[in-house]
N, C-alpha and C. Protein backbone atom coordinates (compact mmCIF):
# COMPACT_ATOMS: atom_id res chain seq x y z
N MET A 1 1.03 -1.23 -0.10
CA MET A 1 -0.31 -0.14 0.23
C MET A 1 0.29 1.12 -0.24
N LYS A 2 1.93 1.14 0.69
CA LYS A 2 2.70 2.50 0.76
C LYS A 2 3.73 2.97 -0.85
N LYS A 3 3.85 1.68 -0.76
CA LYS A 3 4.65 1.99 -2.06
C LYS A 3 3.54 2.27 -3.48
N LEU A 4 2.43 1.98 -3.10
CA LEU A 4 1.40 2.68 -4.13
C LEU A 4 1.16 4.08 -4.02
N LEU A 5 0.94 4.62 -2.56
CA LEU A 5 0.91 5.78 -3.06
C LEU A 5 2.29 6.79 -2.99
N ILE A 6 3.67 6.12 -3.01
CA ILE A 6 3.86 6.84 -3.11
C ILE A 6 4.51 6.87 -4.57
N PHE A 7 3.73 6.32 -5.40
CA PHE A 7 3.18 5.89 -6.95
C PHE A 7 2.43 6.76 -7.22
N LEU A 8 1.47 7.37 -6.55
CA LEU A 8 -0.16 7.72 -6.68
C LEU A 8 0.96 8.85 -6.63
N ALA A 9 1.69 9.77 -5.99
CA ALA A 9 2.01 10.97 -4.99
C ALA A 9 3.46 11.60 -6.66
N ILE A 10 3.91 10.74 -6.91
CA ILE A 10 5.49 11.33 -7.78
C ILE A 10 4.06 11.23 -9.19
N ILE A 11 3.50 9.99 -10.14
CA ILE A 11 2.60 11.36 -11.14
C ILE A 11 2.00 12.50 -10.43
N VAL A 12 1.30 12.57 -9.41
CA VAL A 12 0.49 13.49 -9.28
C VAL A 12 1.64 15.33 -9.34
N VAL A 13 2.56 15.33 -8.60
CA VAL A 13 3.97 15.99 -8.98
C VAL A 13 3.93 16.33 -10.11
N SER A 14 4.29 15.06 -10.88
CA SER A 14 4.94 14.65 -12.19
C SER A 14 3.74 15.72 -12.97
N CYS A 15 2.45 15.79 -12.94
CA CYS A 15 1.56 16.53 -13.82
C CYS A 15 0.82 17.13 -13.19
N SER A 16 1.60 17.79 -12.86
CA SER A 16 1.23 19.30 -11.53
C SER A 16 2.70 20.08 -12.34
N GLY A 17 3.53 20.22 -13.03
CA GLY A 17 4.64 20.65 -13.00
C GLY A 17 4.23 21.43 -14.03
N ASP A 18 4.56 22.35 -14.33
CA ASP A 18 5.24 23.72 -15.71
C ASP A 18 5.53 22.76 -17.06
N ASP A 19 4.95 21.94 -18.09
CA ASP A 19 5.36 21.41 -19.11
C ASP A 19 5.70 22.32 -20.41
N ASN A 20 5.62 23.55 -19.97
CA ASN A 20 5.66 24.42 -21.29
C ASN A 20 4.55 24.03 -22.22
N ASN A 21 3.06 24.31 -21.75
CA ASN A 21 1.73 24.43 -22.00
C ASN A 21 1.31 25.55 -22.10
N ASN A 22 0.65 26.79 -22.80
CA ASN A 22 0.48 27.51 -22.25
C ASN A 22 -0.79 27.08 -22.25
N SER A 23 -1.48 27.42 -20.81
CA SER A 23 -2.66 27.71 -20.20
C SER A 23 -3.28 28.08 -21.02
N ASN A 24 -3.39 29.42 -21.39
CA ASN A 24 -3.64 30.53 -21.48
C ASN A 24 -4.09 30.22 -23.17
N CYS A 25 -4.29 29.82 -23.94
CA CYS A 25 -5.01 28.75 -24.95
C CYS A 25 -5.26 28.23 -25.44
N ASN A 26 -6.39 27.67 -24.31
CA ASN A 26 -7.33 26.83 -24.08
C ASN A 26 -8.39 27.78 -23.96
N PHE A 27 -9.37 28.63 -24.27
CA PHE A 27 -10.61 29.47 -25.34
C PHE A 27 -11.53 29.03 -25.67
N LEU A 28 -10.33 28.35 -27.10
CA LEU A 28 -11.57 28.48 -27.68
C LEU A 28 -12.12 26.80 -28.47
N PHE A 29 -13.58 26.55 -28.50
CA PHE A 29 -14.26 25.26 -27.89
C PHE A 29 -14.10 24.83 -29.02
N ASP A 30 -13.55 23.19 -28.75
CA ASP A 30 -13.77 22.35 -30.95
C ASP A 30 -15.27 22.71 -31.45
N ALA A 31 -15.58 23.33 -31.86
CA ALA A 31 -17.03 23.93 -32.80
C ALA A 31 -17.24 22.93 -33.62
N GLY A 32 -18.00 22.39 -34.59
CA GLY A 32 -18.12 21.52 -35.00
C GLY A 32 -18.32 22.82 -36.70
N VAL A 33 -17.11 22.33 -37.00
CA VAL A 33 -16.95 22.98 -38.63
C VAL A 33 -17.34 22.08 -39.63
N ASN A 34 -18.22 22.41 -40.45
CA ASN A 34 -18.78 21.77 -42.26
C ASN A 34 -18.85 22.54 -43.30
N LEU A 35 -18.71 23.22 -43.55
CA LEU A 35 -18.63 24.53 -44.35
C LEU A 35 -17.94 24.35 -46.25
N GLN A 36 -18.95 23.84 -47.03
CA GLN A 36 -18.89 23.82 -48.59
C GLN A 36 -18.22 25.45 -48.62
N VAL A 37 -17.06 25.29 -49.49
CA VAL A 37 -17.00 26.74 -49.86
C VAL A 37 -16.73 27.07 -51.82
N ASN A 38 -17.41 27.58 -52.50
CA ASN A 38 -17.85 27.64 -53.91
C ASN A 38 -16.82 28.91 -55.02
N THR A 39 -15.49 28.49 -54.87
CA THR A 39 -14.93 30.28 -55.85
C THR A 39 -15.73 31.11 -56.19
N ASN A 40 -16.40 29.83 -57.04
CA ASN A 40 -17.29 30.24 -58.05
C ASN A 40 -18.28 31.75 -57.82
N LEU A 41 -18.47 31.60 -57.01
CA LEU A 41 -20.08 32.02 -56.46
C LEU A 41 -19.07 33.43 -55.57
N PRO A 42 -19.99 34.37 -55.56
CA PRO A 42 -19.73 35.70 -55.70
C PRO A 42 -19.02 35.86 -54.31
N GLN A 43 -19.95 36.12 -53.31
CA GLN A 43 -18.83 35.78 -51.33
C GLN A 43 -17.37 34.74 -51.69
N PHE A 44 -17.74 34.38 -52.11
CA PHE A 44 -15.76 33.91 -52.33
C PHE A 44 -15.55 33.90 -53.39
N ASN A 45 -15.25 34.54 -54.54
CA ASN A 45 -15.00 34.90 -55.80
C ASN A 45 -13.15 35.41 -55.27
N GLN A 46 -13.14 35.87 -54.49
CA GLN A 46 -11.53 35.95 -54.24
C GLN A 46 -10.71 35.73 -53.91
N LEU A 47 -11.51 34.42 -53.50
CA LEU A 47 -10.66 33.07 -53.07
C LEU A 47 -10.22 32.15 -54.51
N GLN A 48 -10.09 32.75 -55.27
CA GLN A 48 -9.83 32.26 -57.01
C GLN A 48 -8.36 32.72 -56.68
N PHE A 49 -7.63 33.84 -56.04
CA PHE A 49 -6.53 34.54 -56.42
C PHE A 49 -5.75 35.22 -54.95
N PRO A 50 -4.58 33.66 -55.10
CA PRO A 50 -3.47 33.72 -54.14
C PRO A 50 -3.39 35.03 -53.62
N GLY A 51 -3.60 34.93 -51.43
CA GLY A 51 -3.56 36.30 -51.21
C GLY A 51 -4.60 37.20 -50.55
N ASN A 52 -5.72 36.04 -51.52
CA ASN A 52 -6.84 37.79 -50.63
C ASN A 52 -7.34 36.29 -49.92
N GLY A 53 -8.22 36.98 -48.71
CA GLY A 53 -8.69 36.67 -47.39
C GLY A 53 -10.54 36.67 -47.79
N VAL A 54 -11.34 35.54 -46.50
CA VAL A 54 -13.17 36.03 -46.86
C VAL A 54 -13.15 35.05 -45.33
N TYR A 55 -13.80 36.49 -45.00
CA TYR A 55 -14.17 35.63 -43.51
C TYR A 55 -15.72 35.17 -43.13
N VAL A 56 -16.02 34.13 -43.04
CA VAL A 56 -17.12 33.72 -42.62
C VAL A 56 -18.08 33.61 -41.64
N ALA A 57 -18.72 34.43 -41.74
CA ALA A 57 -19.57 34.81 -40.45
C ALA A 57 -20.78 33.07 -39.75
N GLY A 58 -20.34 33.03 -38.64
CA GLY A 58 -21.51 31.37 -38.19
C GLY A 58 -20.79 30.49 -38.41
N GLN A 59 -19.60 30.58 -38.08
CA GLN A 59 -19.15 29.49 -38.27
C GLN A 59 -17.98 29.47 -36.89
N GLY A 60 -17.17 28.25 -36.70
CA GLY A 60 -16.58 27.65 -35.64
C GLY A 60 -16.72 28.46 -34.13
N ASN A 61 -15.84 29.28 -33.92
CA ASN A 61 -15.81 29.82 -32.51
C ASN A 61 -16.41 31.51 -32.64
N SER A 62 -15.95 32.17 -33.54
CA SER A 62 -16.45 33.45 -34.34
C SER A 62 -16.37 34.08 -35.34
N GLY A 63 -16.68 32.96 -35.83
CA GLY A 63 -16.73 32.78 -37.64
C GLY A 63 -15.48 32.04 -38.14
N ILE A 64 -15.16 31.60 -39.58
CA ILE A 64 -13.38 31.51 -39.71
C ILE A 64 -12.92 32.84 -40.94
N TRP A 65 -11.76 32.17 -40.54
CA TRP A 65 -11.23 33.63 -41.75
C TRP A 65 -10.15 32.25 -43.15
N LEU A 66 -10.85 32.89 -44.25
CA LEU A 66 -10.31 30.95 -45.14
C LEU A 66 -9.00 32.49 -45.99
N TRP A 67 -8.45 31.68 -46.15
CA TRP A 67 -7.09 32.26 -46.59
C TRP A 67 -6.36 32.16 -48.02
N ARG A 68 -6.28 32.26 -48.97
CA ARG A 68 -5.87 31.66 -50.38
C ARG A 68 -4.30 31.66 -50.45
N LEU A 69 -3.85 31.02 -50.24
CA LEU A 69 -1.99 30.25 -50.35
C LEU A 69 -1.56 30.95 -51.47
N ASN A 70 -2.20 30.64 -52.29
CA ASN A 70 -1.33 29.77 -53.43
C ASN A 70 -2.29 29.62 -54.44
N SER A 71 -2.28 28.86 -55.51
CA SER A 71 -3.70 28.05 -56.56
C SER A 71 -3.42 27.25 -56.56
N ALA A 72 -2.50 25.91 -55.26
CA ALA A 72 -3.09 25.19 -55.33
C ALA A 72 -3.52 25.43 -53.23
N LEU A 73 -3.61 25.78 -52.24
CA LEU A 73 -3.78 25.28 -51.06
C LEU A 73 -4.33 27.22 -50.58
N LEU A 74 -5.19 26.16 -50.22
CA LEU A 74 -6.58 26.98 -49.10
C LEU A 74 -7.23 26.72 -47.88
N LEU A 75 -6.21 28.06 -46.96
CA LEU A 75 -6.09 27.32 -45.64
C LEU A 75 -7.90 28.27 -44.75
N ALA A 76 -7.46 27.83 -43.68
CA ALA A 76 -8.40 28.76 -42.99
C ALA A 76 -8.71 28.27 -41.50
N TRP A 77 -8.36 29.99 -41.07
CA TRP A 77 -8.57 29.36 -39.06
C TRP A 77 -9.98 30.06 -38.05
N ASP A 78 -10.10 29.42 -37.82
CA ASP A 78 -11.03 30.66 -36.36
C ASP A 78 -10.82 31.87 -36.28
N ALA A 79 -11.71 32.26 -36.39
CA ALA A 79 -11.89 33.91 -36.70
C ALA A 79 -11.94 34.64 -35.09
N ALA A 80 -11.07 33.72 -34.26
CA ALA A 80 -11.30 33.71 -32.79
C ALA A 80 -10.18 34.14 -32.15
N ASP A 81 -10.03 35.34 -31.76
CA ASP A 81 -8.54 35.77 -31.12
C ASP A 81 -8.22 34.26 -30.02
N PRO A 82 -7.25 33.46 -30.52
CA PRO A 82 -6.86 32.08 -29.36
C PRO A 82 -6.49 32.89 -28.12
N SER A 83 -5.92 33.86 -27.42
CA SER A 83 -5.95 34.60 -26.63
C SER A 83 -6.69 34.57 -25.64
N ARG A 84 -7.97 34.60 -25.51
CA ARG A 84 -8.73 34.93 -24.63
C ARG A 84 -9.98 34.66 -25.02
N PRO A 85 -11.17 34.61 -24.43
CA PRO A 85 -12.40 33.92 -23.94
C PRO A 85 -13.12 34.38 -25.63
N PRO A 86 -14.27 34.09 -26.05
CA PRO A 86 -14.69 34.07 -27.31
C PRO A 86 -15.59 35.00 -26.82
N ILE A 87 -15.81 36.45 -26.96
CA ILE A 87 -16.11 37.78 -26.57
C ILE A 87 -16.63 38.65 -28.00
N ALA A 88 -17.30 40.02 -27.94
CA ALA A 88 -17.35 41.03 -29.08
C ALA A 88 -16.50 41.20 -29.65
N CYS A 89 -15.83 41.43 -28.97
CA CYS A 89 -14.24 42.31 -29.85
C CYS A 89 -13.19 40.95 -29.78
N SER A 90 -13.11 39.86 -29.58
CA SER A 90 -12.14 39.40 -30.22
C SER A 90 -11.38 38.35 -31.34
N THR A 91 -13.19 38.62 -32.11
CA THR A 91 -13.30 38.46 -32.92
C THR A 91 -11.88 39.30 -34.20
N LEU A 92 -11.52 38.52 -35.05
CA LEU A 92 -10.57 39.07 -35.70
C LEU A 92 -10.94 39.96 -36.95
N THR A 93 -10.13 40.97 -36.94
CA THR A 93 -11.00 41.36 -38.66
C THR A 93 -9.26 41.76 -40.08
N ASP A 94 -9.58 41.99 -40.58
CA ASP A 94 -8.51 42.27 -41.57
C ASP A 94 -7.99 43.26 -41.13
N ILE A 95 -6.69 43.45 -41.37
CA ILE A 95 -6.33 44.92 -41.10
C ILE A 95 -5.64 44.50 -42.43
N GLY A 96 -5.60 44.23 -43.22
CA GLY A 96 -4.15 43.80 -44.59
C GLY A 96 -3.77 42.97 -44.66
N GLY A 97 -2.93 42.87 -46.20
CA GLY A 97 -2.31 42.47 -46.29
C GLY A 97 -1.76 40.36 -45.27
N GLY A 98 -2.93 39.99 -45.08
CA GLY A 98 -3.05 38.75 -44.75
C GLY A 98 -2.86 39.13 -42.66
N ILE A 99 -2.54 40.25 -42.30
CA ILE A 99 -2.52 40.26 -40.95
C ILE A 99 -4.03 40.52 -40.82
N VAL A 100 -4.94 39.65 -39.52
CA VAL A 100 -6.14 40.01 -38.22
C VAL A 100 -5.59 39.99 -37.42
N GLU A 101 -6.94 41.38 -36.70
CA GLU A 101 -6.33 41.86 -35.39
C GLU A 101 -7.81 41.76 -34.97
N SER A 102 -6.92 41.71 -33.02
CA SER A 102 -8.58 41.57 -32.66
C SER A 102 -8.55 43.14 -32.09
N GLY A 103 -9.97 43.02 -31.46
CA GLY A 103 -10.66 44.72 -31.24
C GLY A 103 -10.57 44.92 -29.90
N CYS A 104 -10.17 44.06 -29.24
CA CYS A 104 -9.81 44.00 -27.54
C CYS A 104 -8.79 45.21 -27.49
N GLU A 105 -8.67 45.66 -26.22
CA GLU A 105 -7.76 46.79 -25.82
C GLU A 105 -6.23 46.12 -26.31
N ASP A 106 -5.91 44.61 -26.23
CA ASP A 106 -4.42 44.20 -27.24
C ASP A 106 -4.60 44.15 -27.50
N ALA A 107 -5.73 44.59 -28.75
CA ALA A 107 -4.50 44.21 -29.91
C ALA A 107 -3.99 43.25 -30.34
N ASN A 108 -4.74 42.44 -29.89
CA ASN A 108 -3.43 40.82 -30.98
C ASN A 108 -3.86 41.29 -32.11
N GLN A 109 -2.37 40.56 -33.18
CA GLN A 109 -2.58 40.50 -33.81
C GLN A 109 -1.34 39.13 -34.96
N TYR A 110 -2.36 38.37 -36.08
CA TYR A 110 -1.87 37.22 -36.02
C TYR A 110 -1.64 37.24 -37.85
N SER A 111 -0.71 35.79 -38.43
CA SER A 111 -0.95 36.13 -39.73
C SER A 111 -2.02 34.74 -40.51
N LEU A 112 -2.57 35.24 -41.57
CA LEU A 112 -4.06 34.21 -42.31
C LEU A 112 -2.70 33.38 -42.57
N LEU A 113 -1.29 33.96 -42.88
CA LEU A 113 0.10 32.87 -43.78
C LEU A 113 0.13 31.70 -43.51
N THR A 114 0.08 31.36 -41.48
CA THR A 114 1.10 30.88 -40.80
C THR A 114 0.31 30.29 -39.69
N GLY A 115 -0.79 31.55 -39.58
CA GLY A 115 -1.71 31.37 -38.09
C GLY A 115 -1.15 31.33 -36.23
N GLN A 116 0.51 32.24 -36.88
CA GLN A 116 1.48 32.67 -36.13
C GLN A 116 0.57 34.22 -35.11
N GLY A 117 1.85 34.53 -34.10
CA GLY A 117 1.25 35.73 -33.22
C GLY A 117 2.12 36.27 -33.64
N PHE A 118 1.93 38.12 -33.29
CA PHE A 118 3.34 38.61 -33.89
C PHE A 118 3.58 39.13 -32.82
N GLU A 119 4.62 39.29 -32.35
CA GLU A 119 5.41 39.86 -31.37
C GLU A 119 4.34 41.31 -30.78
N GLY A 120 4.94 41.06 -29.54
CA GLY A 120 3.40 41.93 -29.06
C GLY A 120 2.59 41.57 -28.12
N ASN A 121 2.08 40.01 -29.03
CA ASN A 121 0.47 39.41 -28.52
C ASN A 121 0.93 39.41 -27.34
N THR A 122 -0.16 39.17 -26.20
CA THR A 122 -1.23 39.15 -24.75
C THR A 122 -0.33 37.91 -24.85
N SER A 123 0.00 36.26 -25.96
CA SER A 123 0.22 35.62 -25.62
C SER A 123 0.80 34.91 -26.91
N ASP A 124 1.80 33.61 -26.61
CA ASP A 124 2.08 32.65 -27.68
C ASP A 124 0.99 31.98 -28.72
N CYS A 125 0.12 32.29 -28.20
CA CYS A 125 -0.96 31.56 -29.75
C CYS A 125 -1.40 31.31 -30.73
N THR A 126 -1.25 31.00 -30.53
CA THR A 126 -1.67 30.13 -32.90
C THR A 126 -2.65 30.22 -33.18
N LEU A 127 -3.26 30.58 -34.02
CA LEU A 127 -5.13 30.49 -34.57
C LEU A 127 -4.84 29.29 -34.53
N LYS A 128 -6.53 29.28 -34.47
CA LYS A 128 -7.10 27.61 -34.35
C LYS A 128 -6.91 27.33 -35.69
N PRO A 129 -6.45 25.83 -36.42
CA PRO A 129 -6.64 25.88 -38.10
C PRO A 129 -7.76 25.09 -37.92
N TYR A 130 -8.41 25.16 -39.50
CA TYR A 130 -9.69 23.94 -39.57
C TYR A 130 -8.79 23.07 -40.96
N ARG A 131 -9.37 21.58 -41.42
CA ARG A 131 -8.59 21.52 -42.14
C ARG A 131 -9.77 21.33 -43.65
N VAL A 132 -9.49 21.89 -44.90
CA VAL A 132 -9.30 21.63 -45.86
C VAL A 132 -9.47 21.09 -46.69
N ASP A 133 -10.41 20.34 -47.42
CA ASP A 133 -10.36 19.14 -48.71
C ASP A 133 -10.14 19.73 -50.10
N ASP A 134 -9.77 20.06 -50.77
CA ASP A 134 -10.21 20.37 -52.54
C ASP A 134 -10.70 19.10 -52.57
N LEU A 135 -12.06 19.78 -53.76
CA LEU A 135 -13.37 18.80 -54.22
C LEU A 135 -13.64 18.94 -55.64
N GLY A 136 -12.12 20.24 -55.78
CA GLY A 136 -12.40 20.03 -57.22
C GLY A 136 -13.06 21.16 -57.72
N ASN A 137 -13.14 21.60 -58.73
CA ASN A 137 -13.93 22.62 -59.68
C ASN A 137 -13.87 23.74 -59.09
N GLY A 138 -13.48 24.55 -58.16
CA GLY A 138 -13.14 25.29 -57.17
C GLY A 138 -14.25 25.20 -55.54
N GLN A 139 -13.65 24.06 -55.69
CA GLN A 139 -14.96 23.78 -54.70
C GLN A 139 -13.83 23.32 -53.16
N PHE A 140 -14.48 23.88 -52.27
CA PHE A 140 -13.44 22.67 -51.24
C PHE A 140 -14.92 22.58 -49.76
N LEU A 141 -13.94 21.91 -49.24
CA LEU A 141 -14.59 21.49 -47.74
C LEU A 141 -13.93 22.23 -47.05
N VAL A 142 -14.27 22.41 -45.82
CA VAL A 142 -13.29 23.56 -43.89
C VAL A 142 -14.88 22.19 -43.45
N SER A 143 -13.31 21.72 -42.19
CA SER A 143 -14.24 20.88 -41.65
C SER A 143 -12.84 20.15 -40.20
N ASN A 144 -13.04 19.68 -38.86
CA ASN A 144 -12.87 19.77 -38.42
C ASN A 144 -12.26 18.13 -37.83
């Protein structure tokens, strides 16, 4: 019994330490996303050209940002600032050049190319990615 208690104590101590995980990056929930994107439709037409993004409301935590990286790759990111709970000001808005910014006081900025935050953000969180499947003929399925 004594050995069992020692073993359990070791497990508890080893699991409670700082393992370099940023606990401030756990604000976003796993929202069910199942979005069909057709770049031939007017609302997604900009995604036919690399370097363009489109915001889609009603998906994910605070909408989804779609970013056309190149002719073969479309990226999808949750539009909520991952450094804070989803509130009105934490929805990321486009400020140009593939950069989105939180409307909150800290004004965290992220790259739609990499999902990485910029120096000066309040934490080391990255954008929450979504899976994008190319269905052909300018159609994509965004899911998680």
